[in-house]
Amino acid sequence: MAAVDAGTHPADPTAEFFAQVPYRARTALTHRHNGTILIELLENGRREPWHISVEHGQASVSREHRAADCTLTLERSLFDRIVDGEAQFGPYLFRGRVLLKGDFQAFAILRRLLPDMKGARDPRSLAPGRRG
């Protein structure tokens, strides 16, 4: 997901992810998905807020620090790896490196918006008699 800009520097995977959220929601969510998610990214002693609002499957993103159904707090470098398909939330939640407060269903909405892990395959492609 991390593109390279004209100056051959890697693009910002986090900013790129949030820019794509409204478009990803169109295919990843349904009209039944509703919720708000605040993601607080920690870097150099600062908290960088990203707020996702989902209403009837339509998503919007802002940089406002607003109340949300679900709040996630984690290091920006880890979030970069997650949105780049190199890591998943699960292990880091269990290790306490990702703090989750609030509604788990809103967190599930966020997970639907994330890209697949690099190298991930549909498990149905491994079933006998199926081509993948």
Protein backbone atom coordinates (compact mmCIF):
# COMPACT_ATOMS: atom_id res chain seq x y z
CA MET A 1 0.00 0.00 0.00
CA ALA A 2 2.88 2.40 0.63
CA ALA A 3 3.40 4.15 -2.66
CA VAL A 4 6.51 6.00 -3.65
CA ASP A 5 6.22 9.67 -4.54
CA ALA A 6 8.11 11.50 -7.27
CA GLY A 7 11.03 12.13 -4.91
CA THR A 8 11.36 8.35 -4.33
CA HIS A 9 10.46 8.70 -0.64
CA PRO A 10 7.88 6.26 0.70
CA ALA A 11 4.46 7.87 1.04
CA ASP A 12 2.87 8.13 4.47
CA PRO A 13 0.95 4.84 4.84
CA THR A 14 -1.29 6.23 7.59
CA ALA A 15 -2.34 9.33 5.64
CA GLU A 16 -2.79 7.19 2.54
CA PHE A 17 -5.03 4.75 4.45
CA PHE A 18 -7.25 7.49 5.88
CA ALA A 19 -7.56 9.15 2.47
CA GLN A 20 -8.85 5.82 1.09
CA VAL A 21 -11.33 5.07 3.93
CA PRO A 22 -14.40 6.66 2.24
CA TYR A 23 -13.69 4.68 -0.95
CA ARG A 24 -12.93 1.40 0.86
CA ALA A 25 -16.19 1.74 2.82
CA ARG A 26 -18.18 1.57 -0.42
CA THR A 27 -17.14 -2.04 -0.96
CA ALA A 28 -16.31 -3.19 2.58
CA LEU A 29 -19.38 -1.96 4.46
CA THR A 30 -23.15 -2.23 4.13
CA HIS A 31 -25.97 0.18 5.01
CA ARG A 32 -26.21 -1.59 8.41
CA HIS A 33 -22.76 -0.41 9.50
CA ASN A 34 -22.88 2.59 11.83
CA GLY A 35 -20.36 3.85 14.37
CA THR A 36 -17.53 6.19 15.20
CA ILE A 37 -13.89 5.35 15.80
CA LEU A 38 -11.19 7.59 17.25
CA ILE A 39 -7.65 6.46 16.55
CA GLU A 40 -5.00 8.19 18.65
CA LEU A 41 -1.55 7.71 17.18
CA LEU A 42 1.38 8.31 19.51
CA GLU A 43 4.61 9.74 18.14
CA ASN A 44 7.33 11.76 19.85
CA GLY A 45 5.15 12.42 22.90
CA ARG A 46 2.22 13.70 20.83
CA ARG A 47 -1.25 12.26 20.23
CA GLU A 48 -2.39 12.51 16.64
CA PRO A 49 -6.18 12.05 16.35
CA TRP A 50 -7.97 10.50 13.37
CA HIS A 51 -11.76 10.22 13.61
CA ILE A 52 -13.81 7.92 11.38
CA SER A 53 -17.60 8.31 11.23
CA VAL A 54 -19.65 5.60 9.56
CA GLU A 55 -23.32 6.18 8.88
CA HIS A 56 -25.28 3.60 6.90
CA GLY A 57 -22.04 2.26 5.41
CA GLN A 58 -20.76 5.66 4.27
CA ALA A 59 -17.50 6.74 5.93
CA SER A 60 -15.87 10.10 6.50
CA VAL A 61 -12.58 10.98 8.16
CA SER A 62 -11.54 14.04 10.14
CA ARG A 63 -8.54 15.05 12.22
CA GLU A 64 -10.75 16.16 15.12
CA HIS A 65 -10.41 14.74 18.61
CA ARG A 66 -14.09 13.93 19.20
CA ALA A 67 -15.99 11.43 21.29
CA ALA A 68 -16.36 8.05 19.61
CA ASP A 69 -17.97 4.66 20.13
CA CYS A 70 -14.51 3.09 20.08
CA THR A 71 -11.10 4.59 20.82
CA LEU A 72 -7.83 2.96 19.83
CA THR A 73 -4.49 4.24 21.09
CA LEU A 74 -1.22 2.96 19.65
CA GLU A 75 2.17 3.99 18.31
CA ARG A 76 2.05 5.52 14.86
CA SER A 77 4.84 3.23 13.63
CA LEU A 78 2.72 0.18 14.52
CA PHE A 79 -0.34 1.64 12.80
CA ASP A 80 1.80 2.26 9.70
CA ARG A 81 2.66 -1.46 9.68
CA ILE A 82 -0.99 -2.45 10.14
CA VAL A 83 -2.30 -0.29 7.28
CA ASP A 84 0.61 -1.45 5.12
CA GLY A 85 -0.53 -5.08 5.54
CA GLU A 86 2.52 -6.10 7.57
CA ALA A 87 0.82 -6.59 10.97
CA GLN A 88 -2.59 -7.19 12.53
CA PHE A 89 -4.22 -5.67 15.60
CA GLY A 90 -4.85 -8.95 17.44
CA PRO A 91 -1.40 -9.82 18.82
CA TYR A 92 -0.75 -6.20 19.82
CA LEU A 93 -4.08 -5.94 21.65
CA PHE A 94 -3.13 -8.98 23.72
CA ARG A 95 0.34 -7.56 24.42
CA GLY A 96 -1.09 -4.22 25.53
CA ARG A 97 0.53 -2.24 22.72
CA VAL A 98 -2.90 -1.29 21.38
CA LEU A 99 -5.42 0.08 23.86
CA LEU A 100 -9.06 -0.36 22.90
CA LYS A 101 -11.86 1.38 24.79
CA GLY A 102 -15.54 1.22 23.99
CA ASP A 103 -17.67 -0.65 21.50
CA PHE A 104 -16.04 -3.70 19.95
CA GLN A 105 -18.53 -3.60 17.05
CA ALA A 106 -17.10 -0.23 16.00
CA PHE A 107 -13.64 -1.82 16.09
CA ALA A 108 -14.98 -4.56 13.81
CA ILE A 109 -15.98 -1.85 11.32
CA LEU A 110 -12.41 -0.55 11.32
CA ARG A 111 -11.07 -4.04 10.71
CA ARG A 112 -13.27 -4.32 7.60
CA LEU A 113 -11.68 -1.13 6.24
CA LEU A 114 -8.10 -2.39 6.65
CA PRO A 115 -6.18 -3.91 3.75
CA ASP A 116 -5.47 -7.63 3.71
CA MET A 117 -2.21 -8.87 5.16
CA LYS A 118 0.53 -9.10 2.57
CA GLY A 119 0.55 -12.62 1.17
CA ALA A 120 -2.94 -13.40 2.52
CA ARG A 121 -5.08 -15.81 0.52
CA ASP A 122 -8.72 -16.78 0.63
CA PRO A 123 -8.78 -20.00 2.70
CA ARG A 124 -11.36 -21.46 0.32
CA SER A 125 -8.63 -21.59 -2.32
CA LEU A 126 -6.87 -24.25 -0.22
CA ALA A 127 -9.87 -26.61 -0.21
CA PRO A 128 -9.47 -29.80 -2.28
CA GLY A 129 -10.87 -29.50 -5.76
CA ARG A 130 -10.84 -25.69 -5.78
CA ARG A 131 -8.53 -23.50 -7.74
CA GLY A 132 -7.10 -20.38 -6.06
